[in-house]
Amino acid sequence: MTQEVREYVKEKTQELIGAATCSREAREAAQAWLDAAGTDREAEETKKYIAELEEDIVTVDGLAAFARSEAGAKVFGGAEAAAGVAKHAEEIKAAGAKYCDCPACAAVEAILAKKEEML
């Protein structure tokens, strides 16, 4: 991995860690990767980090489905707010988005765009 890619991924990883929508597992993997960056553990942690990010990123279809569920209504603060999230997911999908555009998923998408350069 070049230093330029490493610095980019570090920046996006910090954004991910700071995102309220970041899962505990993704936050832990992000921190483990940051701790290993530039060390002899970097390659191993990079593979683990990418695997976790690929597991955690939410597709727009997944976002819409979750927003329409009972659990989604609880997370998003009620049925009306959840319906708005589902509508938003449909709108960004129509505009060509593949993934949720929350801060965590946006950071993950940016990191995964560098996947080949990271490995």
PDB file of N, CA and C in Angstrom:
ATOM      1  N   MET A   1       0.857  -1.169   0.000  1.00  0.00           N
ATOM      2  CA  MET A   1       0.000   0.000   0.000  1.00  0.00           C
ATOM      3  C   MET A   1       0.908   1.238   0.000  1.00  0.00           C
ATOM      4  N   THR A   2       0.579   2.172  -0.853  1.00  0.00           N
ATOM      5  CA  THR A   2       1.378   3.393  -0.888  1.00  0.00           C
ATOM      6  C   THR A   2       1.040   4.271   0.315  1.00  0.00           C
ATOM      7  N   GLN A   3       1.916   5.173   0.621  1.00  0.00           N
ATOM      8  CA  GLN A   3       1.682   6.096   1.727  1.00  0.00           C
ATOM      9  C   GLN A   3       0.454   6.972   1.443  1.00  0.00           C
ATOM     10  N   GLU A   4       0.275   7.348   0.193  1.00  0.00           N
ATOM     11  CA  GLU A   4      -0.881   8.175  -0.183  1.00  0.00           C
ATOM     12  C   GLU A   4      -2.191   7.442   0.097  1.00  0.00           C
ATOM     13  N   VAL A   5      -2.263   6.175  -0.284  1.00  0.00           N
ATOM     14  CA  VAL A   5      -3.471   5.378  -0.031  1.00  0.00           C
ATOM     15  C   VAL A   5      -3.655   5.186   1.467  1.00  0.00           C
ATOM     16  N   ARG A   6      -2.574   4.882   2.178  1.00  0.00           N
ATOM     17  CA  ARG A   6      -2.654   4.693   3.628  1.00  0.00           C
ATOM     18  C   ARG A   6      -3.221   5.945   4.310  1.00  0.00           C
ATOM     19  N   GLU A   7      -2.740   7.114   3.917  1.00  0.00           N
ATOM     20  CA  GLU A   7      -3.219   8.363   4.528  1.00  0.00           C
ATOM     21  C   GLU A   7      -4.696   8.605   4.207  1.00  0.00           C
ATOM     22  N   TYR A   8      -5.089   8.308   2.978  1.00  0.00           N
ATOM     23  CA  TYR A   8      -6.495   8.459   2.590  1.00  0.00           C
ATOM     24  C   TYR A   8      -7.375   7.540   3.431  1.00  0.00           C
ATOM     25  N   VAL A   9      -6.966   6.280   3.541  1.00  0.00           N
ATOM     26  CA  VAL A   9      -7.750   5.308   4.300  1.00  0.00           C
ATOM     27  C   VAL A   9      -7.771   5.691   5.784  1.00  0.00           C
ATOM     28  N   LYS A  10      -6.671   6.194   6.305  1.00  0.00           N
ATOM     29  CA  LYS A  10      -6.661   6.652   7.703  1.00  0.00           C
ATOM     30  C   LYS A  10      -7.689   7.756   7.910  1.00  0.00           C
ATOM     31  N   GLU A  11      -7.727   8.711   6.985  1.00  0.00           N
ATOM     32  CA  GLU A  11      -8.684   9.821   7.096  1.00  0.00           C
ATOM     33  C   GLU A  11     -10.122   9.315   7.074  1.00  0.00           C
ATOM     34  N   LYS A  12     -10.422   8.438   6.121  1.00  0.00           N
ATOM     35  CA  LYS A  12     -11.778   7.894   6.021  1.00  0.00           C
ATOM     36  C   LYS A  12     -12.104   6.997   7.210  1.00  0.00           C
ATOM     37  N   THR A  13     -11.095   6.318   7.748  1.00  0.00           N
ATOM     38  CA  THR A  13     -11.287   5.470   8.922  1.00  0.00           C
ATOM     39  C   THR A  13     -11.631   6.322  10.137  1.00  0.00           C
ATOM     40  N   GLN A  14     -10.995   7.454  10.268  1.00  0.00           N
ATOM     41  CA  GLN A  14     -11.332   8.374  11.371  1.00  0.00           C
ATOM     42  C   GLN A  14     -12.768   8.867  11.228  1.00  0.00           C
ATOM     43  N   GLU A  15     -13.174   9.155   9.992  1.00  0.00           N
ATOM     44  CA  GLU A  15     -14.567   9.562   9.753  1.00  0.00           C
ATOM     45  C   GLU A  15     -15.523   8.443  10.165  1.00  0.00           C
ATOM     46  N   LEU A  16     -15.169   7.214   9.812  1.00  0.00           N
ATOM     47  CA  LEU A  16     -15.999   6.064  10.161  1.00  0.00           C
ATOM     48  C   LEU A  16     -16.129   5.930  11.675  1.00  0.00           C
ATOM     49  N   ILE A  17     -15.013   5.985  12.367  1.00  0.00           N
ATOM     50  CA  ILE A  17     -15.028   5.854  13.827  1.00  0.00           C
ATOM     51  C   ILE A  17     -15.885   6.941  14.465  1.00  0.00           C
ATOM     52  N   GLY A  18     -15.863   8.133  13.892  1.00  0.00           N
ATOM     53  CA  GLY A  18     -16.625   9.252  14.448  1.00  0.00           C
ATOM     54  C   GLY A  18     -18.091   9.275  14.068  1.00  0.00           C
ATOM     55  N   ALA A  19     -18.495   8.408  13.151  1.00  0.00           N
ATOM     56  CA  ALA A  19     -19.885   8.395  12.688  1.00  0.00           C
ATOM     57  C   ALA A  19     -20.804   7.740  13.719  1.00  0.00           C
ATOM     58  N   ALA A  20     -21.877   8.419  14.034  1.00  0.00           N
ATOM     59  CA  ALA A  20     -22.849   7.879  14.995  1.00  0.00           C
ATOM     60  C   ALA A  20     -23.471   6.582  14.482  1.00  0.00           C
ATOM     61  N   THR A  21     -23.493   6.398  13.177  1.00  0.00           N
ATOM     62  CA  THR A  21     -24.115   5.218  12.581  1.00  0.00           C
ATOM     63  C   THR A  21     -23.149   4.049  12.426  1.00  0.00           C
ATOM     64  N   CYS A  22     -21.934   4.180  12.903  1.00  0.00           N
ATOM     65  CA  CYS A  22     -20.937   3.113  12.803  1.00  0.00           C
ATOM     66  C   CYS A  22     -21.227   2.019  13.829  1.00  0.00           C
ATOM     67  N   SER A  23     -21.201   0.774  13.375  1.00  0.00           N
ATOM     68  CA  SER A  23     -21.428  -0.346  14.286  1.00  0.00           C
ATOM     69  C   SER A  23     -20.221  -0.548  15.199  1.00  0.00           C
ATOM     70  N   ARG A  24     -20.447  -1.198  16.315  1.00  0.00           N
ATOM     71  CA  ARG A  24     -19.360  -1.486  17.254  1.00  0.00           C
ATOM     72  C   ARG A  24     -18.285  -2.331  16.580  1.00  0.00           C
ATOM     73  N   GLU A  25     -18.708  -3.325  15.811  1.00  0.00           N
ATOM     74  CA  GLU A  25     -17.751  -4.212  15.149  1.00  0.00           C
ATOM     75  C   GLU A  25     -16.888  -3.465  14.134  1.00  0.00           C
ATOM     76  N   ALA A  26     -17.515  -2.587  13.364  1.00  0.00           N
ATOM     77  CA  ALA A  26     -16.758  -1.804  12.382  1.00  0.00           C
ATOM     78  C   ALA A  26     -15.813  -0.840  13.090  1.00  0.00           C
ATOM     79  N   ARG A  27     -16.277  -0.253  14.179  1.00  0.00           N
ATOM     80  CA  ARG A  27     -15.427   0.680  14.942  1.00  0.00           C
ATOM     81  C   ARG A  27     -14.204  -0.054  15.506  1.00  0.00           C
ATOM     82  N   GLU A  28     -14.408  -1.255  16.028  1.00  0.00           N
ATOM     83  CA  GLU A  28     -13.292  -2.042  16.565  1.00  0.00           C
ATOM     84  C   GLU A  28     -12.317  -2.449  15.468  1.00  0.00           C
ATOM     85  N   ALA A  29     -12.837  -2.866  14.309  1.00  0.00           N
ATOM     86  CA  ALA A  29     -11.969  -3.242  13.184  1.00  0.00           C
ATOM     87  C   ALA A  29     -11.206  -2.036  12.669  1.00  0.00           C
ATOM     88  N   ALA A  30     -11.872  -0.896  12.646  1.00  0.00           N
ATOM     89  CA  ALA A  30     -11.221   0.342  12.201  1.00  0.00           C
ATOM     90  C   ALA A  30     -10.062   0.705  13.122  1.00  0.00           C
ATOM     91  N   GLN A  31     -10.306   0.617  14.410  1.00  0.00           N
ATOM     92  CA  GLN A  31      -9.247   0.960  15.369  1.00  0.00           C
ATOM     93  C   GLN A  31      -8.094  -0.035  15.290  1.00  0.00           C
ATOM     94  N   ALA A  32      -8.418  -1.305  15.122  1.00  0.00           N
ATOM     95  CA  ALA A  32      -7.364  -2.316  14.990  1.00  0.00           C
ATOM     96  C   ALA A  32      -6.519  -2.052  13.746  1.00  0.00           C
ATOM     97  N   TRP A  33      -7.177  -1.636  12.661  1.00  0.00           N
ATOM     98  CA  TRP A  33      -6.427  -1.317  11.446  1.00  0.00           C
ATOM     99  C   TRP A  33      -5.541  -0.086  11.668  1.00  0.00           C
ATOM    100  N   LEU A  34      -6.096   0.936  12.290  1.00  0.00           N
ATOM    101  CA  LEU A  34      -5.285   2.133  12.564  1.00  0.00           C
ATOM    102  C   LEU A  34      -4.066   1.791  13.412  1.00  0.00           C
ATOM    103  N   ASP A  35      -4.270   0.952  14.412  1.00  0.00           N
ATOM    104  CA  ASP A  35      -3.172   0.564  15.295  1.00  0.00           C
ATOM    105  C   ASP A  35      -2.094  -0.220  14.547  1.00  0.00           C
ATOM    106  N   ALA A  36      -2.488  -0.945  13.503  1.00  0.00           N
ATOM    107  CA  ALA A  36      -1.544  -1.774  12.756  1.00  0.00           C
ATOM    108  C   ALA A  36      -0.941  -1.070  11.538  1.00  0.00           C
ATOM    109  N   ALA A  37      -1.537   0.043  11.130  1.00  0.00           N
ATOM    110  CA  ALA A  37      -1.064   0.738   9.921  1.00  0.00           C
ATOM    111  C   ALA A  37       0.414   1.091  10.047  1.00  0.00           C
ATOM    112  N   GLY A  38       1.159   0.738   9.020  1.00  0.00           N
ATOM    113  CA  GLY A  38       2.585   1.026   9.001  1.00  0.00           C
ATOM    114  C   GLY A  38       3.439   0.044   9.776  1.00  0.00           C
ATOM    115  N   THR A  39       2.832  -1.027  10.291  1.00  0.00           N
ATOM    116  CA  THR A  39       3.575  -2.037  11.059  1.00  0.00           C
ATOM    117  C   THR A  39       3.587  -3.345  10.272  1.00  0.00           C
ATOM    118  N   ASP A  40       4.249  -4.333  10.831  1.00  0.00           N
ATOM    119  CA  ASP A  40       4.283  -5.643  10.176  1.00  0.00           C
ATOM    120  C   ASP A  40       2.930  -6.363  10.265  1.00  0.00           C
ATOM    121  N   ARG A  41       1.985  -5.827  11.024  1.00  0.00           N
ATOM    122  CA  ARG A  41       0.639  -6.412  11.144  1.00  0.00           C
ATOM    123  C   ARG A  41      -0.353  -5.788  10.155  1.00  0.00           C
ATOM    124  N   GLU A  42       0.105  -4.807   9.408  1.00  0.00           N
ATOM    125  CA  GLU A  42      -0.806  -4.064   8.545  1.00  0.00           C
ATOM    126  C   GLU A  42      -1.527  -4.950   7.531  1.00  0.00           C
ATOM    127  N   ALA A  43      -0.807  -5.808   6.823  1.00  0.00           N
ATOM    128  CA  ALA A  43      -1.437  -6.638   5.778  1.00  0.00           C
ATOM    129  C   ALA A  43      -2.530  -7.532   6.354  1.00  0.00           C
ATOM    130  N   GLU A  44      -2.242  -8.159   7.471  1.00  0.00           N
ATOM    131  CA  GLU A  44      -3.227  -9.040   8.109  1.00  0.00           C
ATOM    132  C   GLU A  44      -4.453  -8.259   8.565  1.00  0.00           C
ATOM    133  N   GLU A  45      -4.228  -7.120   9.219  1.00  0.00           N
ATOM    134  CA  GLU A  45      -5.348  -6.303   9.707  1.00  0.00           C
ATOM    135  C   GLU A  45      -6.129  -5.683   8.552  1.00  0.00           C
ATOM    136  N   THR A  46      -5.458  -5.395   7.443  1.00  0.00           N
ATOM    137  CA  THR A  46      -6.147  -4.839   6.282  1.00  0.00           C
ATOM    138  C   THR A  46      -7.165  -5.839   5.758  1.00  0.00           C
ATOM    139  N   LYS A  47      -6.783  -7.099   5.665  1.00  0.00           N
ATOM    140  CA  LYS A  47      -7.710  -8.136   5.195  1.00  0.00           C
ATOM    141  C   LYS A  47      -8.912  -8.256   6.133  1.00  0.00           C
ATOM    142  N   LYS A  48      -8.656  -8.246   7.434  1.00  0.00           N
ATOM    143  CA  LYS A  48      -9.749  -8.334   8.414  1.00  0.00           C
ATOM    144  C   LYS A  48     -10.659  -7.107   8.320  1.00  0.00           C
ATOM    145  N   TYR A  49     -10.041  -5.945   8.173  1.00  0.00           N
ATOM    146  CA  TYR A  49     -10.782  -4.682   8.103  1.00  0.00           C
ATOM    147  C   TYR A  49     -11.695  -4.680   6.875  1.00  0.00           C
ATOM    148  N   ILE A  50     -11.150  -5.037   5.740  1.00  0.00           N
ATOM    149  CA  ILE A  50     -11.951  -5.064   4.519  1.00  0.00           C
ATOM    150  C   ILE A  50     -13.105  -6.051   4.653  1.00  0.00           C
ATOM    151  N   ALA A  51     -12.853  -7.211   5.217  1.00  0.00           N
ATOM    152  CA  ALA A  51     -13.918  -8.204   5.407  1.00  0.00           C
ATOM    153  C   ALA A  51     -15.038  -7.644   6.284  1.00  0.00           C
ATOM    154  N   GLU A  52     -14.676  -6.964   7.354  1.00  0.00           N
ATOM    155  CA  GLU A  52     -15.691  -6.375   8.243  1.00  0.00           C
ATOM    156  C   GLU A  52     -16.466  -5.282   7.516  1.00  0.00           C
ATOM    157  N   LEU A  53     -15.778  -4.443   6.774  1.00  0.00           N
ATOM    158  CA  LEU A  53     -16.455  -3.364   6.062  1.00  0.00           C
ATOM    159  C   LEU A  53     -17.412  -3.905   5.007  1.00  0.00           C
ATOM    160  N   GLU A  54     -16.996  -4.946   4.292  1.00  0.00           N
ATOM    161  CA  GLU A  54     -17.870  -5.544   3.287  1.00  0.00           C
ATOM    162  C   GLU A  54     -19.104  -6.164   3.929  1.00  0.00           C
ATOM    163  N   GLU A  55     -18.951  -6.650   5.133  1.00  0.00           N
ATOM    164  CA  GLU A  55     -20.085  -7.233   5.852  1.00  0.00           C
ATOM    165  C   GLU A  55     -21.035  -6.156   6.379  1.00  0.00           C
ATOM    166  N   ASP A  56     -20.490  -5.014   6.765  1.00  0.00           N
ATOM    167  CA  ASP A  56     -21.290  -3.988   7.436  1.00  0.00           C
ATOM    168  C   ASP A  56     -21.964  -2.976   6.525  1.00  0.00           C
ATOM    169  N   ILE A  57     -21.416  -2.737   5.334  1.00  0.00           N
ATOM    170  CA  ILE A  57     -22.008  -1.698   4.481  1.00  0.00           C
ATOM    171  C   ILE A  57     -23.437  -2.092   4.121  1.00  0.00           C
ATOM    172  N   VAL A  58     -24.327  -1.118   4.122  1.00  0.00           N
ATOM    173  CA  VAL A  58     -25.749  -1.364   3.894  1.00  0.00           C
ATOM    174  C   VAL A  58     -26.114  -0.925   2.479  1.00  0.00           C
ATOM    175  N   THR A  59     -26.718  -1.827   1.725  1.00  0.00           N
ATOM    176  CA  THR A  59     -27.186  -1.471   0.384  1.00  0.00           C
ATOM    177  C   THR A  59     -28.403  -0.561   0.500  1.00  0.00           C
ATOM    178  N   VAL A  60     -28.719   0.148  -0.574  1.00  0.00           N
ATOM    179  CA  VAL A  60     -29.915   0.984  -0.534  1.00  0.00           C
ATOM    180  C   VAL A  60     -31.164   0.123  -0.384  1.00  0.00           C
ATOM    181  N   ASP A  61     -31.151  -1.062  -1.001  1.00  0.00           N
ATOM    182  CA  ASP A  61     -32.301  -1.957  -0.838  1.00  0.00           C
ATOM    183  C   ASP A  61     -32.419  -2.429   0.607  1.00  0.00           C
ATOM    184  N   GLY A  62     -31.285  -2.726   1.224  1.00  0.00           N
ATOM    185  CA  GLY A  62     -31.282  -3.126   2.631  1.00  0.00           C
ATOM    186  C   GLY A  62     -31.766  -2.003   3.540  1.00  0.00           C
ATOM    187  N   LEU A  63     -31.351  -0.776   3.230  1.00  0.00           N
ATOM    188  CA  LEU A  63     -31.799   0.375   4.012  1.00  0.00           C
ATOM    189  C   LEU A  63     -33.303   0.546   3.901  1.00  0.00           C
ATOM    190  N   ALA A  64     -33.812   0.469   2.682  1.00  0.00           N
ATOM    191  CA  ALA A  64     -35.253   0.636   2.481  1.00  0.00           C
ATOM    192  C   ALA A  64     -36.033  -0.454   3.215  1.00  0.00           C
ATOM    193  N   ALA A  65     -35.574  -1.680   3.106  1.00  0.00           N
ATOM    194  CA  ALA A  65     -36.264  -2.792   3.768  1.00  0.00           C
ATOM    195  C   ALA A  65     -36.236  -2.621   5.283  1.00  0.00           C
ATOM    196  N   PHE A  66     -35.082  -2.230   5.815  1.00  0.00           N
ATOM    197  CA  PHE A  66     -34.991  -2.029   7.261  1.00  0.00           C
ATOM    198  C   PHE A  66     -35.901  -0.888   7.704  1.00  0.00           C
ATOM    199  N   ALA A  67     -35.910   0.184   6.940  1.00  0.00           N
ATOM    200  CA  ALA A  67     -36.742   1.336   7.303  1.00  0.00           C
ATOM    201  C   ALA A  67     -38.230   0.966   7.328  1.00  0.00           C
ATOM    202  N   ARG A  68     -38.621   0.020   6.507  1.00  0.00           N
ATOM    203  CA  ARG A  68     -40.035  -0.395   6.460  1.00  0.00           C
ATOM    204  C   ARG A  68     -40.387  -1.416   7.541  1.00  0.00           C
ATOM    205  N   SER A  69     -39.389  -1.861   8.289  1.00  0.00           N
ATOM    206  CA  SER A  69     -39.648  -2.869   9.323  1.00  0.00           C
ATOM    207  C   SER A  69     -39.997  -2.218  10.657  1.00  0.00           C
ATOM    208  N   GLU A  70     -40.501  -3.041  11.558  1.00  0.00           N
ATOM    209  CA  GLU A  70     -40.811  -2.572  12.909  1.00  0.00           C
ATOM    210  C   GLU A  70     -39.547  -2.109  13.625  1.00  0.00           C
ATOM    211  N   ALA A  71     -38.464  -2.845  13.446  1.00  0.00           N
ATOM    212  CA  ALA A  71     -37.183  -2.460  14.054  1.00  0.00           C
ATOM    213  C   ALA A  71     -36.701  -1.128  13.489  1.00  0.00           C
ATOM    214  N   GLY A  72     -36.896  -0.932  12.192  1.00  0.00           N
ATOM    215  CA  GLY A  72     -36.505   0.327  11.562  1.00  0.00           C
ATOM    216  C   GLY A  72     -37.285   1.499  12.126  1.00  0.00           C
ATOM    217  N   ALA A  73     -38.572   1.296  12.348  1.00  0.00           N
ATOM    218  CA  ALA A  73     -39.396   2.363  12.932  1.00  0.00           C
ATOM    219  C   ALA A  73     -38.874   2.744  14.310  1.00  0.00           C
ATOM    220  N   LYS A  74     -38.416   1.763  15.081  1.00  0.00           N
ATOM    221  CA  LYS A  74     -37.859   2.054  16.407  1.00  0.00           C
ATOM    222  C   LYS A  74     -36.540   2.819  16.297  1.00  0.00           C
ATOM    223  N   VAL A  75     -35.675   2.369  15.403  1.00  0.00           N
ATOM    224  CA  VAL A  75     -34.363   2.993  15.246  1.00  0.00           C
ATOM    225  C   VAL A  75     -34.489   4.421  14.721  1.00  0.00           C
ATOM    226  N   PHE A  76     -35.384   4.618  13.759  1.00  0.00           N
ATOM    227  CA  PHE A  76     -35.497   5.927  13.121  1.00  0.00           C
ATOM    228  C   PHE A  76     -36.471   6.867  13.830  1.00  0.00           C
ATOM    229  N   GLY A  77     -37.018   6.452  14.955  1.00  0.00           N
ATOM    230  CA  GLY A  77     -37.839   7.357  15.757  1.00  0.00           C
ATOM    231  C   GLY A  77     -39.296   7.424  15.370  1.00  0.00           C
ATOM    232  N   GLY A  78     -39.819   6.317  14.894  1.00  0.00           N
ATOM    233  CA  GLY A  78     -41.239   6.259  14.574  1.00  0.00           C
ATOM    234  C   GLY A  78     -41.491   5.909  13.121  1.00  0.00           C
ATOM    235  N   ALA A  79     -42.735   5.525  12.853  1.00  0.00           N
ATOM    236  CA  ALA A  79     -43.116   5.057  11.525  1.00  0.00           C
ATOM    237  C   ALA A  79     -42.977   6.156  10.472  1.00  0.00           C
ATOM    238  N   GLU A  80     -43.333   7.367  10.826  1.00  0.00           N
ATOM    239  CA  GLU A  80     -43.261   8.473   9.861  1.00  0.00           C
ATOM    240  C   GLU A  80     -41.809   8.761   9.462  1.00  0.00           C
ATOM    241  N   ALA A  81     -40.930   8.820  10.439  1.00  0.00           N
ATOM    242  CA  ALA A  81     -39.516   9.064  10.146  1.00  0.00           C
ATOM    243  C   ALA A  81     -38.926   7.908   9.346  1.00  0.00           C
ATOM    244  N   ALA A  82     -39.298   6.690   9.694  1.00  0.00           N
ATOM    245  CA  ALA A  82     -38.798   5.516   8.976  1.00  0.00           C
ATOM    246  C   ALA A  82     -39.287   5.520   7.533  1.00  0.00           C
ATOM    247  N   ALA A  83     -40.521   5.937   7.316  1.00  0.00           N
ATOM    248  CA  ALA A  83     -41.044   6.030   5.951  1.00  0.00           C
ATOM    249  C   ALA A  83     -40.235   7.049   5.146  1.00  0.00           C
ATOM    250  N   GLY A  84     -39.833   8.117   5.806  1.00  0.00           N
ATOM    251  CA  GLY A  84     -38.987   9.113   5.136  1.00  0.00           C
ATOM    252  C   GLY A  84     -37.633   8.541   4.752  1.00  0.00           C
ATOM    253  N   VAL A  85     -37.072   7.688   5.614  1.00  0.00           N
ATOM    254  CA  VAL A  85     -35.794   7.040   5.313  1.00  0.00           C
ATOM    255  C   VAL A  85     -35.962   6.079   4.134  1.00  0.00           C
ATOM    256  N   ALA A  86     -37.055   5.337   4.132  1.00  0.00           N
ATOM    257  CA  ALA A  86     -37.314   4.417   3.019  1.00  0.00           C
ATOM    258  C   ALA A  86     -37.459   5.186   1.710  1.00  0.00           C
ATOM    259  N   LYS A  87     -38.162   6.295   1.755  1.00  0.00           N
ATOM    260  CA  LYS A  87     -38.316   7.134   0.555  1.00  0.00           C
ATOM    261  C   LYS A  87     -36.963   7.664   0.114  1.00  0.00           C
ATOM    262  N   HIS A  88     -36.159   8.106   1.045  1.00  0.00           N
ATOM    263  CA  HIS A  88     -34.813   8.595   0.735  1.00  0.00           C
ATOM    264  C   HIS A  88     -33.987   7.499   0.061  1.00  0.00           C
ATOM    265  N   ALA A  89     -34.079   6.287   0.571  1.00  0.00           N
ATOM    266  CA  ALA A  89     -33.342   5.162  -0.019  1.00  0.00           C
ATOM    267  C   ALA A  89     -33.771   4.950  -1.462  1.00  0.00           C
ATOM    268  N   GLU A  90     -35.064   5.030  -1.720  1.00  0.00           N
ATOM    269  CA  GLU A  90     -35.561   4.869  -3.083  1.00  0.00           C
ATOM    270  C   GLU A  90     -35.056   5.985  -3.988  1.00  0.00           C
ATOM    271  N   GLU A  91     -35.006   7.197  -3.463  1.00  0.00           N
ATOM    272  CA  GLU A  91     -34.528   8.345  -4.252  1.00  0.00           C
ATOM    273  C   GLU A  91     -33.048   8.224  -4.598  1.00  0.00           C
ATOM    274  N   ILE A  92     -32.226   7.838  -3.617  1.00  0.00           N
ATOM    275  CA  ILE A  92     -30.798   7.741  -3.921  1.00  0.00           C
ATOM    276  C   ILE A  92     -30.509   6.544  -4.821  1.00  0.00           C
ATOM    277  N   LYS A  93     -31.329   5.501  -4.713  1.00  0.00           N
ATOM    278  CA  LYS A  93     -31.180   4.355  -5.620  1.00  0.00           C
ATOM    279  C   LYS A  93     -31.506   4.790  -7.045  1.00  0.00           C
ATOM    280  N   ALA A  94     -32.579   5.546  -7.208  1.00  0.00           N
ATOM    281  CA  ALA A  94     -32.963   6.030  -8.532  1.00  0.00           C
ATOM    282  C   ALA A  94     -31.874   6.918  -9.132  1.00  0.00           C
ATOM    283  N   ALA A  95     -31.123   7.586  -8.260  1.00  0.00           N
ATOM    284  CA  ALA A  95     -30.031   8.452  -8.711  1.00  0.00           C
ATOM    285  C   ALA A  95     -28.747   7.668  -8.965  1.00  0.00           C
ATOM    286  N   GLY A  96     -28.789   6.346  -8.725  1.00  0.00           N
ATOM    287  CA  GLY A  96     -27.636   5.505  -9.031  1.00  0.00           C
ATOM    288  C   GLY A  96     -26.842   5.002  -7.843  1.00  0.00           C
ATOM    289  N   ALA A  97     -27.247   5.352  -6.631  1.00  0.00           N
ATOM    290  CA  ALA A  97     -26.515   4.901  -5.449  1.00  0.00           C
ATOM    291  C   ALA A  97     -26.717   3.407  -5.237  1.00  0.00           C
ATOM    292  N   LYS A  98     -25.654   2.749  -4.770  1.00  0.00           N
ATOM    293  CA  LYS A  98     -25.731   1.327  -4.432  1.00  0.00           C
ATOM    294  C   LYS A  98     -25.867   1.137  -2.929  1.00  0.00           C
ATOM    295  N   TYR A  99     -25.343   2.109  -2.175  1.00  0.00           N
ATOM    296  CA  TYR A  99     -25.262   1.962  -0.732  1.00  0.00           C
ATOM    297  C   TYR A  99     -25.936   3.118  -0.008  1.00  0.00           C
ATOM    298  N   CYS A 100     -26.277   2.850   1.231  1.00  0.00           N
ATOM    299  CA  CYS A 100     -26.782   3.858   2.158  1.00  0.00           C
ATOM    300  C   CYS A 100     -25.807   5.032   2.155  1.00  0.00           C
ATOM    301  N   ASP A 101     -26.313   6.222   2.334  1.00  0.00           N
ATOM    302  CA  ASP A 101     -25.439   7.400   2.328  1.00  0.00           C
ATOM    303  C   ASP A 101     -25.250   8.017   3.713  1.00  0.00           C
ATOM    304  N   CYS A 102     -25.513   7.233   4.765  1.00  0.00           N
ATOM    305  CA  CYS A 102     -25.235   7.735   6.112  1.00  0.00           C
ATOM    306  C   CYS A 102     -23.717   7.939   6.246  1.00  0.00           C
ATOM    307  N   PRO A 103     -23.263   8.682   7.226  1.00  0.00           N
ATOM    308  CA  PRO A 103     -21.827   8.935   7.354  1.00  0.00           C
ATOM    309  C   PRO A 103     -20.967   7.674   7.436  1.00  0.00           C
ATOM    310  N   ALA A 104     -21.435   6.655   8.138  1.00  0.00           N
ATOM    311  CA  ALA A 104     -20.642   5.425   8.259  1.00  0.00           C
ATOM    312  C   ALA A 104     -20.547   4.709   6.914  1.00  0.00           C
ATOM    313  N   CYS A 105     -21.677   4.505   6.258  1.00  0.00           N
ATOM    314  CA  CYS A 105     -21.654   3.799   4.975  1.00  0.00           C
ATOM    315  C   CYS A 105     -20.895   4.596   3.916  1.00  0.00           C
ATOM    316  N   ALA A 106     -20.997   5.910   3.945  1.00  0.00           N
ATOM    317  CA  ALA A 106     -20.245   6.733   2.987  1.00  0.00           C
ATOM    318  C   ALA A 106     -18.743   6.555   3.191  1.00  0.00           C
ATOM    319  N   ALA A 107     -18.304   6.521   4.441  1.00  0.00           N
ATOM    320  CA  ALA A 107     -16.883   6.310   4.727  1.00  0.00           C
ATOM    321  C   ALA A 107     -16.454   4.916   4.296  1.00  0.00           C
ATOM    322  N   VAL A 108     -17.275   3.925   4.580  1.00  0.00           N
ATOM    323  CA  VAL A 108     -16.958   2.547   4.189  1.00  0.00           C
ATOM    324  C   VAL A 108     -16.873   2.440   2.666  1.00  0.00           C
ATOM    325  N   GLU A 109     -17.817   3.034   1.966  1.00  0.00           N
ATOM    326  CA  GLU A 109     -17.794   2.980   0.506  1.00  0.00           C
ATOM    327  C   GLU A 109     -16.510   3.607  -0.035  1.00  0.00           C
ATOM    328  N   ALA A 110     -16.096   4.727   0.542  1.00  0.00           N
ATOM    329  CA  ALA A 110     -14.860   5.392   0.112  1.00  0.00           C
ATOM    330  C   ALA A 110     -13.635   4.509   0.380  1.00  0.00           C
ATOM    331  N   ILE A 111     -13.612   3.859   1.521  1.00  0.00           N
ATOM    332  CA  ILE A 111     -12.493   2.964   1.855  1.00  0.00           C
ATOM    333  C   ILE A 111     -12.471   1.777   0.899  1.00  0.00           C
ATOM    334  N   LEU A 112     -13.633   1.162   0.691  1.00  0.00           N
ATOM    335  CA  LEU A 112     -13.694  -0.019  -0.170  1.00  0.00           C
ATOM    336  C   LEU A 112     -13.353   0.308  -1.628  1.00  0.00           C
ATOM    337  N   ALA A 113     -13.516   1.558  -2.023  1.00  0.00           N
ATOM    338  CA  ALA A 113     -13.121   1.969  -3.368  1.00  0.00           C
ATOM    339  C   ALA A 113     -11.613   1.846  -3.554  1.00  0.00           C
ATOM    340  N   LYS A 114     -10.869   1.814  -2.457  1.00  0.00           N
ATOM    341  CA  LYS A 114      -9.409   1.678  -2.491  1.00  0.00           C
ATOM    342  C   LYS A 114      -8.966   0.255  -2.160  1.00  0.00           C
ATOM    343  N   LYS A 115      -9.908  -0.670  -2.108  1.00  0.00           N
ATOM    344  CA  LYS A 115      -9.625  -2.045  -1.677  1.00  0.00           C
ATOM    345  C   LYS A 115      -8.431  -2.664  -2.412  1.00  0.00           C
ATOM    346  N   GLU A 116      -8.435  -2.611  -3.722  1.00  0.00           N
ATOM    347  CA  GLU A 116      -7.360  -3.250  -4.496  1.00  0.00           C
ATOM    348  C   GLU A 116      -6.003  -2.618  -4.180  1.00  0.00           C
ATOM    349  N   GLU A 117      -6.003  -1.313  -3.965  1.00  0.00           N
ATOM    350  CA  GLU A 117      -4.753  -0.622  -3.637  1.00  0.00           C
ATOM    351  C   GLU A 117      -4.289  -0.909  -2.215  1.00  0.00           C
ATOM    352  N   MET A 118      -5.221  -1.305  -1.358  1.00  0.00           N
ATOM    353  CA  MET A 118      -4.899  -1.612   0.035  1.00  0.00           C
ATOM    354  C   MET A 118      -4.266  -2.992   0.179  1.00  0.00           C
ATOM    355  N   LEU A 119      -4.672  -3.918  -0.683  1.00  0.00           N
ATOM    356  CA  LEU A 119      -4.214  -5.305  -0.555  1.00  0.00           C
ATOM    357  C   LEU A 119      -2.862  -5.518  -1.205  1.00  0.00           C
TER     358      LEU A 119
END
